[in-house]
PDB file of N, CA and C in Angstrom:
ATOM      1  N   UNK A   1      89.552 100.858  91.756  1.00  0.00           N
ATOM      2  CA  UNK A   1      88.693 101.314  92.804  1.00  0.00           C
ATOM      3  C   UNK A   1      88.973 100.462  94.043  1.00  0.00           C
ATOM      4  N   UNK A   2      89.163 101.110  95.180  1.00  0.00           N
ATOM      5  CA  UNK A   2      89.473 100.410  96.418  1.00  0.00           C
ATOM      6  C   UNK A   2      88.553 100.913  97.534  1.00  0.00           C
ATOM      7  N   UNK A   3      87.913  99.978  98.211  1.00  0.00           N
ATOM      8  CA  UNK A   3      87.055 100.289  99.351  1.00  0.00           C
ATOM      9  C   UNK A   3      87.624  99.613 100.584  1.00  0.00           C
ATOM     10  N   UNK A   4      87.541 100.287 101.722  1.00  0.00           N
ATOM     11  CA  UNK A   4      87.800  99.583 102.978  1.00  0.00           C
ATOM     12  C   UNK A   4      86.687  99.936 103.944  1.00  0.00           C
ATOM     13  N   UNK A   5      86.275  98.936 104.702  1.00  0.00           N
ATOM     14  CA  UNK A   5      85.120  99.131 105.567  1.00  0.00           C
ATOM     15  C   UNK A   5      85.148  98.145 106.727  1.00  0.00           C
ATOM     16  N   UNK A   6      84.396  98.502 107.757  1.00  0.00           N
ATOM     17  CA  UNK A   6      84.299  97.711 108.972  1.00  0.00           C
ATOM     18  C   UNK A   6      82.841  97.293 109.140  1.00  0.00           C
ATOM     19  N   UNK A   7      82.621  96.026 109.451  1.00  0.00           N
ATOM     20  CA  UNK A   7      81.278  95.528 109.738  1.00  0.00           C
ATOM     21  C   UNK A   7      81.317  94.789 111.068  1.00  0.00           C
ATOM     22  N   UNK A   8      80.152  94.742 111.728  1.00  0.00           N
ATOM     23  CA  UNK A   8      80.092  94.030 112.996  1.00  0.00           C
ATOM     24  C   UNK A   8      78.701  93.468 113.210  1.00  0.00           C
ATOM     25  N   UNK A   9      78.645  92.476 114.075  1.00  0.00           N
ATOM     26  CA  UNK A   9      77.376  91.939 114.547  1.00  0.00           C
ATOM     27  C   UNK A   9      77.480  91.874 116.060  1.00  0.00           C
ATOM     28  N   UNK A  10      77.017  92.926 116.697  1.00  0.00           N
ATOM     29  CA  UNK A  10      77.112  92.996 118.153  1.00  0.00           C
ATOM     30  C   UNK A  10      76.037  92.168 118.832  1.00  0.00           C
ATOM     31  N   UNK A  11      75.069  91.684 118.056  1.00  0.00           N
ATOM     32  CA  UNK A  11      74.024  90.837 118.605  1.00  0.00           C
ATOM     33  C   UNK A  11      74.367  89.360 118.563  1.00  0.00           C
ATOM     34  N   UNK A  12      75.458  89.016 117.898  1.00  0.00           N
ATOM     35  CA  UNK A  12      75.878  87.611 117.805  1.00  0.00           C
ATOM     36  C   UNK A  12      76.492  87.171 119.130  1.00  0.00           C
ATOM     37  N   UNK A  13      76.565  85.884 119.324  1.00  0.00           N
ATOM     38  CA  UNK A  13      77.187  85.340 120.533  1.00  0.00           C
ATOM     39  C   UNK A  13      78.218  84.302 120.119  1.00  0.00           C
ATOM     40  N   UNK A  14      79.504  84.642 120.069  1.00  0.00           N
ATOM     41  CA  UNK A  14      80.110  85.893 120.492  1.00  0.00           C
ATOM     42  C   UNK A  14      79.974  86.977 119.409  1.00  0.00           C
ATOM     43  N   UNK A  15      80.218  88.236 119.799  1.00  0.00           N
ATOM     44  CA  UNK A  15      80.150  89.317 118.827  1.00  0.00           C
ATOM     45  C   UNK A  15      81.231  89.118 117.768  1.00  0.00           C
ATOM     46  N   UNK A  16      81.000  89.686 116.593  1.00  0.00           N
ATOM     47  CA  UNK A  16      81.926  89.562 115.466  1.00  0.00           C
ATOM     48  C   UNK A  16      82.246  90.959 114.955  1.00  0.00           C
ATOM     49  N   UNK A  17      83.523  91.220 114.713  1.00  0.00           N
ATOM     50  CA  UNK A  17      83.976  92.460 114.095  1.00  0.00           C
ATOM     51  C   UNK A  17      84.874  92.069 112.933  1.00  0.00           C
ATOM     52  N   UNK A  18      84.640  92.681 111.763  1.00  0.00           N
ATOM     53  CA  UNK A  18      85.423  92.326 110.571  1.00  0.00           C
ATOM     54  C   UNK A  18      85.785  93.584 109.806  1.00  0.00           C
ATOM     55  N   UNK A  19      87.042  93.655 109.379  1.00  0.00           N
ATOM     56  CA  UNK A  19      87.517  94.734 108.519  1.00  0.00           C
ATOM     57  C   UNK A  19      87.837  94.122 107.161  1.00  0.00           C
ATOM     58  N   UNK A  20      87.463  94.841 106.101  1.00  0.00           N
ATOM     59  CA  UNK A  20      87.697  94.372 104.733  1.00  0.00           C
ATOM     60  C   UNK A  20      88.279  95.483 103.887  1.00  0.00           C
ATOM     61  N   UNK A  21      89.119  95.119 102.950  1.00  0.00           N
ATOM     62  CA  UNK A  21      89.580  96.032 101.903  1.00  0.00           C
ATOM     63  C   UNK A  21      89.346  95.309 100.579  1.00  0.00           C
ATOM     64  N   UNK A  22      88.623  95.958  99.672  1.00  0.00           N
ATOM     65  CA  UNK A  22      88.285  95.369  98.373  1.00  0.00           C
ATOM     66  C   UNK A  22      88.865  96.233  97.263  1.00  0.00           C
ATOM     67  N   UNK A  23      89.517  95.588  96.320  1.00  0.00           N
ATOM     68  CA  UNK A  23      90.015  96.270  95.127  1.00  0.00           C
ATOM     69  C   UNK A  23      89.345  95.622  93.921  1.00  0.00           C
ATOM     70  N   UNK A  24      88.612  96.419  93.193  1.00  0.00           N
ATOM     71  CA  UNK A  24      87.919  95.940  92.002  1.00  0.00           C
ATOM     72  C   UNK A  24      88.720  96.308  90.767  1.00  0.00           C
ATOM     73  N   UNK A  25      88.813  95.351  89.829  1.00  0.00           N
ATOM     74  CA  UNK A  25      89.516  95.574  88.560  1.00  0.00           C
ATOM     75  C   UNK A  25      88.621  95.067  87.435  1.00  0.00           C
ATOM     76  N   UNK A  26      88.578  95.783  86.313  1.00  0.00           N
ATOM     77  CA  UNK A  26      87.741  95.312  85.208  1.00  0.00           C
ATOM     78  C   UNK A  26      88.291  94.017  84.612  1.00  0.00           C
ATOM     79  N   UNK A  27      87.391  93.150  84.165  1.00  0.00           N
ATOM     80  CA  UNK A  27      87.810  91.944  83.448  1.00  0.00           C
ATOM     81  C   UNK A  27      88.370  92.348  82.096  1.00  0.00           C
ATOM     82  N   UNK A  28      89.190  91.497  81.508  1.00  0.00           N
ATOM     83  CA  UNK A  28      89.839  91.833  80.244  1.00  0.00           C
ATOM     84  C   UNK A  28      88.824  92.090  79.131  1.00  0.00           C
ATOM     85  N   UNK A  29      87.660  91.439  79.190  1.00  0.00           N
ATOM     86  CA  UNK A  29      86.632  91.645  78.166  1.00  0.00           C
ATOM     87  C   UNK A  29      85.799  92.887  78.459  1.00  0.00           C
ATOM     88  N   UNK A  30      85.962  93.482  79.628  1.00  0.00           N
ATOM     89  CA  UNK A  30      85.208  94.670  79.990  1.00  0.00           C
ATOM     90  C   UNK A  30      83.790  94.398  80.447  1.00  0.00           C
ATOM     91  N   UNK A  31      83.430  93.139  80.634  1.00  0.00           N
ATOM     92  CA  UNK A  31      82.069  92.797  81.054  1.00  0.00           C
ATOM     93  C   UNK A  31      82.090  92.187  82.444  1.00  0.00           C
ATOM     94  N   UNK A  32      82.320  93.007  83.424  1.00  0.00           N
ATOM     95  CA  UNK A  32      82.364  92.547  84.798  1.00  0.00           C
ATOM     96  C   UNK A  32      83.626  93.032  85.483  1.00  0.00           C
ATOM     97  N   UNK A  33      83.796  92.595  86.730  1.00  0.00           N
ATOM     98  CA  UNK A  33      84.958  92.992  87.510  1.00  0.00           C
ATOM     99  C   UNK A  33      85.527  91.789  88.253  1.00  0.00           C
ATOM    100  N   UNK A  34      86.800  91.867  88.554  1.00  0.00           N
ATOM    101  CA  UNK A  34      87.456  90.889  89.424  1.00  0.00           C
ATOM    102  C   UNK A  34      87.659  91.571  90.773  1.00  0.00           C
ATOM    103  N   UNK A  35      87.560  90.806  91.833  1.00  0.00           N
ATOM    104  CA  UNK A  35      87.722  91.345  93.177  1.00  0.00           C
ATOM    105  C   UNK A  35      88.951  90.723  93.830  1.00  0.00           C
ATOM    106  N   UNK A  36      89.840  91.578  94.324  1.00  0.00           N
ATOM    107  CA  UNK A  36      90.970  91.163  95.134  1.00  0.00           C
ATOM    108  C   UNK A  36      90.698  91.743  96.517  1.00  0.00           C
ATOM    109  N   UNK A  37      90.792  90.932  97.552  1.00  0.00           N
ATOM    110  CA  UNK A  37      90.338  91.379  98.863  1.00  0.00           C
ATOM    111  C   UNK A  37      91.238  90.912  99.992  1.00  0.00           C
ATOM    112  N   UNK A  38      91.193  91.674 101.079  1.00  0.00           N
ATOM    113  CA  UNK A  38      91.828  91.316 102.342  1.00  0.00           C
ATOM    114  C   UNK A  38      90.736  91.425 103.401  1.00  0.00           C
ATOM    115  N   UNK A  39      90.601  90.392 104.225  1.00  0.00           N
ATOM    116  CA  UNK A  39      89.615  90.409 105.306  1.00  0.00           C
ATOM    117  C   UNK A  39      90.285  89.974 106.599  1.00  0.00           C
ATOM    118  N   UNK A  40      89.934  90.648 107.666  1.00  0.00           N
ATOM    119  CA  UNK A  40      90.414  90.279 109.000  1.00  0.00           C
ATOM    120  C   UNK A  40      89.219  90.309 109.931  1.00  0.00           C
ATOM    121  N   UNK A  41      89.134  89.309 110.788  1.00  0.00           N
ATOM    122  CA  UNK A  41      87.951  89.148 111.644  1.00  0.00           C
ATOM    123  C   UNK A  41      88.370  88.797 113.057  1.00  0.00           C
ATOM    124  N   UNK A  42      87.528  89.216 114.018  1.00  0.00           N
ATOM    125  CA  UNK A  42      87.754  88.884 115.414  1.00  0.00           C
ATOM    126  C   UNK A  42      86.425  88.553 116.073  1.00  0.00           C
ATOM    127  N   UNK A  43      86.486  87.707 117.091  1.00  0.00           N
ATOM    128  CA  UNK A  43      85.292  87.257 117.813  1.00  0.00           C
ATOM    129  C   UNK A  43      85.412  87.582 119.289  1.00  0.00           C
ATOM    130  N   UNK A  44      84.285  87.866 119.912  1.00  0.00           N
ATOM    131  CA  UNK A  44      84.231  88.101 121.350  1.00  0.00           C
ATOM    132  C   UNK A  44      84.573  89.534 121.708  1.00  0.00           C
ATOM    133  N   UNK A  45      84.089  89.976 122.873  1.00  0.00           N
ATOM    134  CA  UNK A  45      84.303  91.361 123.297  1.00  0.00           C
ATOM    135  C   UNK A  45      85.772  91.726 123.432  1.00  0.00           C
ATOM    136  N   UNK A  46      86.524  90.898 124.133  1.00  0.00           N
ATOM    137  CA  UNK A  46      87.946  91.201 124.330  1.00  0.00           C
ATOM    138  C   UNK A  46      88.701  91.146 123.009  1.00  0.00           C
ATOM    139  N   UNK A  47      88.409  90.130 122.201  1.00  0.00           N
ATOM    140  CA  UNK A  47      89.060  90.020 120.895  1.00  0.00           C
ATOM    141  C   UNK A  47      88.748  91.211 120.007  1.00  0.00           C
ATOM    142  N   UNK A  48      87.489  91.645 120.009  1.00  0.00           N
ATOM    143  CA  UNK A  48      87.089  92.800 119.200  1.00  0.00           C
ATOM    144  C   UNK A  48      87.789  94.063 119.679  1.00  0.00           C
ATOM    145  N   UNK A  49      87.873  94.238 120.974  1.00  0.00           N
ATOM    146  CA  UNK A  49      88.536  95.423 121.535  1.00  0.00           C
ATOM    147  C   UNK A  49      90.010  95.447 121.114  1.00  0.00           C
ATOM    148  N   UNK A  50      90.702  94.322 121.245  1.00  0.00           N
ATOM    149  CA  UNK A  50      92.113  94.248 120.843  1.00  0.00           C
ATOM    150  C   UNK A  50      92.269  94.446 119.338  1.00  0.00           C
ATOM    151  N   UNK A  51      91.375  93.839 118.579  1.00  0.00           N
ATOM    152  CA  UNK A  51      91.394  93.939 117.120  1.00  0.00           C
ATOM    153  C   UNK A  51      91.268  95.398 116.681  1.00  0.00           C
ATOM    154  N   UNK A  52      90.263  96.091 117.214  1.00  0.00           N
ATOM    155  CA  UNK A  52      90.031  97.482 116.834  1.00  0.00           C
ATOM    156  C   UNK A  52      91.170  98.386 117.297  1.00  0.00           C
ATOM    157  N   UNK A  53      91.753  98.085 118.450  1.00  0.00           N
ATOM    158  CA  UNK A  53      92.869  98.876 118.953  1.00  0.00           C
ATOM    159  C   UNK A  53      94.110  98.784 118.093  1.00  0.00           C
ATOM    160  N   UNK A  54      94.320  97.649 117.446  1.00  0.00           N
ATOM    161  CA  UNK A  54      95.501  97.452 116.605  1.00  0.00           C
ATOM    162  C   UNK A  54      95.229  97.581 115.121  1.00  0.00           C
ATOM    163  N   UNK A  55      94.014  97.926 114.757  1.00  0.00           N
ATOM    164  CA  UNK A  55      93.637  97.945 113.341  1.00  0.00           C
ATOM    165  C   UNK A  55      94.358  99.018 112.533  1.00  0.00           C
ATOM    166  N   UNK A  56      94.677 100.145 113.136  1.00  0.00           N
ATOM    167  CA  UNK A  56      95.295 101.254 112.400  1.00  0.00           C
ATOM    168  C   UNK A  56      96.537 100.850 111.623  1.00  0.00           C
ATOM    169  N   UNK A  57      97.472 100.202 112.269  1.00  0.00           N
ATOM    170  CA  UNK A  57      98.722  99.813 111.611  1.00  0.00           C
ATOM    171  C   UNK A  57      98.482  98.724 110.574  1.00  0.00           C
ATOM    172  N   UNK A  58      97.665  97.751 110.905  1.00  0.00           N
ATOM    173  CA  UNK A  58      97.379  96.647 109.978  1.00  0.00           C
ATOM    174  C   UNK A  58      96.649  97.169 108.748  1.00  0.00           C
ATOM    175  N   UNK A  59      95.695  98.050 108.975  1.00  0.00           N
ATOM    176  CA  UNK A  59      94.877  98.609 107.893  1.00  0.00           C
ATOM    177  C   UNK A  59      95.740  99.372 106.886  1.00  0.00           C
ATOM    178  N   UNK A  60      96.590 100.256 107.370  1.00  0.00           N
ATOM    179  CA  UNK A  60      97.429 101.066 106.484  1.00  0.00           C
ATOM    180  C   UNK A  60      98.319 100.204 105.603  1.00  0.00           C
ATOM    181  N   UNK A  61      98.963  99.227 106.207  1.00  0.00           N
ATOM    182  CA  UNK A  61      99.865  98.347 105.453  1.00  0.00           C
ATOM    183  C   UNK A  61      99.109  97.513 104.431  1.00  0.00           C
ATOM    184  N   UNK A  62      97.970  96.957 104.823  1.00  0.00           N
ATOM    185  CA  UNK A  62      97.190  96.121 103.904  1.00  0.00           C
ATOM    186  C   UNK A  62      96.644  96.930 102.733  1.00  0.00           C
ATOM    187  N   UNK A  63      96.162  98.130 103.002  1.00  0.00           N
ATOM    188  CA  UNK A  63      95.640  98.978 101.926  1.00  0.00           C
ATOM    189  C   UNK A  63      96.753  99.349 100.954  1.00  0.00           C
ATOM    190  N   UNK A  64      97.911  99.712 101.470  1.00  0.00           N
ATOM    191  CA  UNK A  64      99.034 100.062 100.593  1.00  0.00           C
ATOM    192  C   UNK A  64      99.441  98.878  99.730  1.00  0.00           C
ATOM    193  N   UNK A  65      99.499  97.695 100.318  1.00  0.00           N
ATOM    194  CA  UNK A  65      99.863  96.491  99.560  1.00  0.00           C
ATOM    195  C   UNK A  65      98.821  96.173  98.503  1.00  0.00           C
ATOM    196  N   UNK A  66      97.559  96.222  98.872  1.00  0.00           N
ATOM    197  CA  UNK A  66      96.487  95.921  97.927  1.00  0.00           C
ATOM    198  C   UNK A  66      96.435  96.952  96.799  1.00  0.00           C
ATOM    199  N   UNK A  67      96.655  98.213  97.111  1.00  0.00           N
ATOM    200  CA  UNK A  67      96.601  99.277  96.110  1.00  0.00           C
ATOM    201  C   UNK A  67      97.727  99.164  95.087  1.00  0.00           C
ATOM    202  N   UNK A  68      98.888  98.667  95.508  1.00  0.00           N
ATOM    203  CA  UNK A  68     100.037  98.591  94.600  1.00  0.00           C
ATOM    204  C   UNK A  68     100.278  97.191  94.054  1.00  0.00           C
ATOM    205  N   UNK A  69      99.443  96.229  94.478  1.00  0.00           N
ATOM    206  CA  UNK A  69      99.558  94.855  94.008  1.00  0.00           C
ATOM    207  C   UNK A  69      99.420  94.816  92.492  1.00  0.00           C
ATOM    208  N   UNK A  70     100.348  94.137  91.826  1.00  0.00           N
ATOM    209  CA  UNK A  70     100.306  94.003  90.365  1.00  0.00           C
ATOM    210  C   UNK A  70      99.335  92.894  90.017  1.00  0.00           C
ATOM    211  N   UNK A  71      98.063  93.227  89.986  1.00  0.00           N
ATOM    212  CA  UNK A  71      97.014  92.246  89.767  1.00  0.00           C
ATOM    213  C   UNK A  71      97.054  91.689  88.355  1.00  0.00           C
ATOM    214  N   UNK A  72      96.896  90.380  88.218  1.00  0.00           N
ATOM    215  CA  UNK A  72      96.891  89.790  86.874  1.00  0.00           C
ATOM    216  C   UNK A  72      95.594  90.152  86.151  1.00  0.00           C
ATOM    217  N   UNK A  73      95.638  90.169  84.831  1.00  0.00           N
ATOM    218  CA  UNK A  73      94.430  90.387  84.049  1.00  0.00           C
ATOM    219  C   UNK A  73      93.604  89.119  84.126  1.00  0.00           C
ATOM    220  N   UNK A  74      92.363  89.249  84.461  1.00  0.00           N
ATOM    221  CA  UNK A  74      91.476  88.107  84.645  1.00  0.00           C
ATOM    222  C   UNK A  74      90.485  88.067  83.490  1.00  0.00           C
ATOM    223  N   UNK A  75      90.268  86.867  82.970  1.00  0.00           N
ATOM    224  CA  UNK A  75      89.250  86.695  81.931  1.00  0.00           C
ATOM    225  C   UNK A  75      88.453  85.443  82.224  1.00  0.00           C
ATOM    226  N   UNK A  76      87.223  85.432  81.796  1.00  0.00           N
ATOM    227  CA  UNK A  76      86.347  84.286  81.980  1.00  0.00           C
ATOM    228  C   UNK A  76      85.954  83.782  80.601  1.00  0.00           C
ATOM    229  N   UNK A  77      86.286  82.505  80.319  1.00  0.00           N
ATOM    230  CA  UNK A  77      85.967  81.983  78.980  1.00  0.00           C
ATOM    231  C   UNK A  77      84.474  81.920  78.710  1.00  0.00           C
TER     232      UNK A  77
END
């Protein structure tokens, strides 16, 4: 399962914009999940504007990499 989403805090000083992609994988015991994630963040009006303007190319590549990443099996003793 893979989610990608954008969050922001326009009331912060400076404003914050963050894009995330999360890939959840079941633990080897089947009782829980492991999270593999990519996060990118920008601060300030100009930074946020530039960040959002260039997000399309970065987003596509990161999602493709995360989706095909050969994730190791994770277990918790």
